[in-house]
């Protein structure tokens, strides 16, 4: 029960970091696919 408020306060930064990681990974894949199409 003591760790629950800490988890709630940490929930938003964790979701933001996860969103940035997913966005970065998707952007990286898009750049790789675009580069592959340009090379071929």
PDB file of N, CA and C in Angstrom:
ATOM      1  N   UNK A   1       0.834  -1.203   0.000  1.00  0.00           N
ATOM      2  CA  UNK A   1       0.000   0.000   0.000  1.00  0.00           C
ATOM      3  C   UNK A   1       0.876   1.264   0.000  1.00  0.00           C
ATOM      4  N   UNK A   2       2.073   1.160   0.563  1.00  0.00           N
ATOM      5  CA  UNK A   2       2.954   2.328   0.653  1.00  0.00           C
ATOM      6  C   UNK A   2       3.500   2.703  -0.727  1.00  0.00           C
ATOM      7  N   UNK A   3       3.736   1.701  -1.578  1.00  0.00           N
ATOM      8  CA  UNK A   3       4.333   1.971  -2.884  1.00  0.00           C
ATOM      9  C   UNK A   3       3.306   2.426  -3.922  1.00  0.00           C
ATOM     10  N   UNK A   4       2.016   2.354  -3.580  1.00  0.00           N
ATOM     11  CA  UNK A   4       0.983   2.700  -4.559  1.00  0.00           C
ATOM     12  C   UNK A   4       1.017   4.173  -4.973  1.00  0.00           C
ATOM     13  N   UNK A   5       1.127   5.149  -4.054  1.00  0.00           N
ATOM     14  CA  UNK A   5       1.205   6.560  -4.476  1.00  0.00           C
ATOM     15  C   UNK A   5       2.432   6.827  -5.343  1.00  0.00           C
ATOM     16  N   UNK A   6       3.556   6.187  -5.023  1.00  0.00           N
ATOM     17  CA  UNK A   6       4.770   6.359  -5.827  1.00  0.00           C
ATOM     18  C   UNK A   6       4.531   5.824  -7.236  1.00  0.00           C
ATOM     19  N   UNK A   7       3.820   4.710  -7.336  1.00  0.00           N
ATOM     20  CA  UNK A   7       3.521   4.130  -8.653  1.00  0.00           C
ATOM     21  C   UNK A   7       2.598   5.058  -9.439  1.00  0.00           C
ATOM     22  N   UNK A   8       1.639   5.672  -8.765  1.00  0.00           N
ATOM     23  CA  UNK A   8       0.714   6.582  -9.451  1.00  0.00           C
ATOM     24  C   UNK A   8       1.449   7.829  -9.953  1.00  0.00           C
ATOM     25  N   UNK A   9       2.385   8.351  -9.167  1.00  0.00           N
ATOM     26  CA  UNK A   9       3.117   9.548  -9.568  1.00  0.00           C
ATOM     27  C   UNK A   9       4.108   9.214 -10.682  1.00  0.00           C
ATOM     28  N   UNK A  10       4.530   7.958 -10.756  1.00  0.00           N
ATOM     29  CA  UNK A  10       5.513   7.543 -11.770  1.00  0.00           C
ATOM     30  C   UNK A  10       4.830   7.051 -13.038  1.00  0.00           C
ATOM     31  N   UNK A  11       3.501   6.905 -12.985  1.00  0.00           N
ATOM     32  CA  UNK A  11       2.764   6.332 -14.114  1.00  0.00           C
ATOM     33  C   UNK A  11       2.853   7.224 -15.347  1.00  0.00           C
ATOM     34  N   UNK A  12       2.664   8.527 -15.181  1.00  0.00           N
ATOM     35  CA  UNK A  12       2.653   9.442 -16.330  1.00  0.00           C
ATOM     36  C   UNK A  12       4.027   9.522 -17.008  1.00  0.00           C
ATOM     37  N   UNK A  13       5.130   9.734 -16.290  1.00  0.00           N
ATOM     38  CA  UNK A  13       6.445   9.749 -16.951  1.00  0.00           C
ATOM     39  C   UNK A  13       6.758   8.428 -17.642  1.00  0.00           C
ATOM     40  N   UNK A  14       6.333   7.309 -17.056  1.00  0.00           N
ATOM     41  CA  UNK A  14       6.588   6.010 -17.671  1.00  0.00           C
ATOM     42  C   UNK A  14       5.836   5.899 -18.994  1.00  0.00           C
ATOM     43  N   UNK A  15       4.584   6.365 -19.020  1.00  0.00           N
ATOM     44  CA  UNK A  15       3.798   6.311 -20.260  1.00  0.00           C
ATOM     45  C   UNK A  15       4.393   7.231 -21.312  1.00  0.00           C
ATOM     46  N   UNK A  16       4.886   8.408 -20.897  1.00  0.00           N
ATOM     47  CA  UNK A  16       5.500   9.347 -21.841  1.00  0.00           C
ATOM     48  C   UNK A  16       6.766   8.734 -22.436  1.00  0.00           C
ATOM     49  N   UNK A  17       7.583   8.121 -21.580  1.00  0.00           N
ATOM     50  CA  UNK A  17       8.818   7.495 -22.065  1.00  0.00           C
ATOM     51  C   UNK A  17       8.498   6.345 -23.014  1.00  0.00           C
ATOM     52  N   UNK A  18       7.481   5.559 -22.671  1.00  0.00           N
ATOM     53  CA  UNK A  18       7.085   4.448 -23.530  1.00  0.00           C
ATOM     54  C   UNK A  18       6.584   4.964 -24.867  1.00  0.00           C
ATOM     55  N   UNK A  19       5.808   6.021 -24.849  1.00  0.00           N
ATOM     56  CA  UNK A  19       5.302   6.612 -26.094  1.00  0.00           C
ATOM     57  C   UNK A  19       6.431   7.125 -26.962  1.00  0.00           C
ATOM     58  N   UNK A  20       7.420   7.775 -26.344  1.00  0.00           N
ATOM     59  CA  UNK A  20       8.569   8.278 -27.107  1.00  0.00           C
ATOM     60  C   UNK A  20       9.354   7.111 -27.695  1.00  0.00           C
ATOM     61  N   UNK A  21       9.518   6.040 -26.934  1.00  0.00           N
ATOM     62  CA  UNK A  21      10.255   4.874 -27.420  1.00  0.00           C
ATOM     63  C   UNK A  21       9.538   4.239 -28.609  1.00  0.00           C
ATOM     64  N   UNK A  22       8.211   4.098 -28.529  1.00  0.00           N
ATOM     65  CA  UNK A  22       7.434   3.521 -29.632  1.00  0.00           C
ATOM     66  C   UNK A  22       7.511   4.425 -30.853  1.00  0.00           C
ATOM     67  N   UNK A  23       7.385   5.751 -30.640  1.00  0.00           N
ATOM     68  CA  UNK A  23       7.453   6.699 -31.749  1.00  0.00           C
ATOM     69  C   UNK A  23       8.831   6.647 -32.397  1.00  0.00           C
ATOM     70  N   UNK A  24       9.878   6.594 -31.580  1.00  0.00           N
ATOM     71  CA  UNK A  24      11.244   6.533 -32.109  1.00  0.00           C
ATOM     72  C   UNK A  24      11.474   5.256 -32.903  1.00  0.00           C
ATOM     73  N   UNK A  25      10.986   4.132 -32.389  1.00  0.00           N
ATOM     74  CA  UNK A  25      11.151   2.865 -33.096  1.00  0.00           C
ATOM     75  C   UNK A  25      10.397   2.859 -34.414  1.00  0.00           C
ATOM     76  N   UNK A  26       9.177   3.378 -34.408  1.00  0.00           N
ATOM     77  CA  UNK A  26       8.388   3.440 -35.644  1.00  0.00           C
ATOM     78  C   UNK A  26       9.056   4.354 -36.662  1.00  0.00           C
ATOM     79  N   UNK A  27       9.574   5.492 -36.205  1.00  0.00           N
ATOM     80  CA  UNK A  27      10.250   6.430 -37.100  1.00  0.00           C
ATOM     81  C   UNK A  27      11.503   5.791 -37.683  1.00  0.00           C
ATOM     82  N   UNK A  28      12.244   5.047 -36.861  1.00  0.00           N
ATOM     83  CA  UNK A  28      13.459   4.380 -37.336  1.00  0.00           C
ATOM     84  C   UNK A  28      13.126   3.355 -38.412  1.00  0.00           C
ATOM     85  N   UNK A  29      12.074   2.556 -38.196  1.00  0.00           N
ATOM     86  CA  UNK A  29      11.654   1.560 -39.188  1.00  0.00           C
ATOM     87  C   UNK A  29      11.224   2.250 -40.475  1.00  0.00           C
ATOM     88  N   UNK A  30      10.488   3.357 -40.368  1.00  0.00           N
ATOM     89  CA  UNK A  30      10.038   4.090 -41.553  1.00  0.00           C
ATOM     90  C   UNK A  30      11.238   4.608 -42.342  1.00  0.00           C
ATOM     91  N   UNK A  31      12.241   5.135 -41.652  1.00  0.00           N
ATOM     92  CA  UNK A  31      13.446   5.636 -42.331  1.00  0.00           C
ATOM     93  C   UNK A  31      14.180   4.492 -43.021  1.00  0.00           C
ATOM     94  N   UNK A  32      14.273   3.340 -42.362  1.00  0.00           N
ATOM     95  CA  UNK A  32      14.957   2.182 -42.958  1.00  0.00           C
ATOM     96  C   UNK A  32      14.218   1.709 -44.206  1.00  0.00           C
ATOM     97  N   UNK A  33      12.886   1.633 -44.138  1.00  0.00           N
ATOM     98  CA  UNK A  33      12.108   1.193 -45.297  1.00  0.00           C
ATOM     99  C   UNK A  33      12.239   2.191 -46.438  1.00  0.00           C
ATOM    100  N   UNK A  34      12.199   3.475 -46.121  1.00  0.00           N
ATOM    101  CA  UNK A  34      12.348   4.509 -47.152  1.00  0.00           C
ATOM    102  C   UNK A  34      13.724   4.411 -47.798  1.00  0.00           C
ATOM    103  N   UNK A  35      14.748   4.205 -46.990  1.00  0.00           N
ATOM    104  CA  UNK A  35      16.106   4.054 -47.520  1.00  0.00           C
ATOM    105  C   UNK A  35      16.216   2.828 -48.408  1.00  0.00           C
ATOM    106  N   UNK A  36      15.549   1.736 -48.022  1.00  0.00           N
ATOM    107  CA  UNK A  36      15.591   0.519 -48.832  1.00  0.00           C
ATOM    108  C   UNK A  36      14.919   0.759 -50.184  1.00  0.00           C
ATOM    109  N   UNK A  37      13.798   1.468 -50.189  1.00  0.00           N
ATOM    110  CA  UNK A  37      13.111   1.761 -51.453  1.00  0.00           C
ATOM    111  C   UNK A  37      13.969   2.656 -52.343  1.00  0.00           C
ATOM    112  N   UNK A  38      14.681   3.617 -51.742  1.00  0.00           N
ATOM    113  CA  UNK A  38      15.527   4.520 -52.533  1.00  0.00           C
ATOM    114  C   UNK A  38      16.700   3.743 -53.141  1.00  0.00           C
ATOM    115  N   UNK A  39      17.283   2.840 -52.366  1.00  0.00           N
ATOM    116  CA  UNK A  39      18.433   2.063 -52.864  1.00  0.00           C
ATOM    117  C   UNK A  39      17.999   1.158 -54.012  1.00  0.00           C
ATOM    118  N   UNK A  40      16.872   0.506 -53.857  1.00  0.00           N
ATOM    119  CA  UNK A  40      16.403  -0.388 -54.923  1.00  0.00           C
ATOM    120  C   UNK A  40      15.740   0.417 -56.034  1.00  0.00           C
TER     121      UNK A  40
END
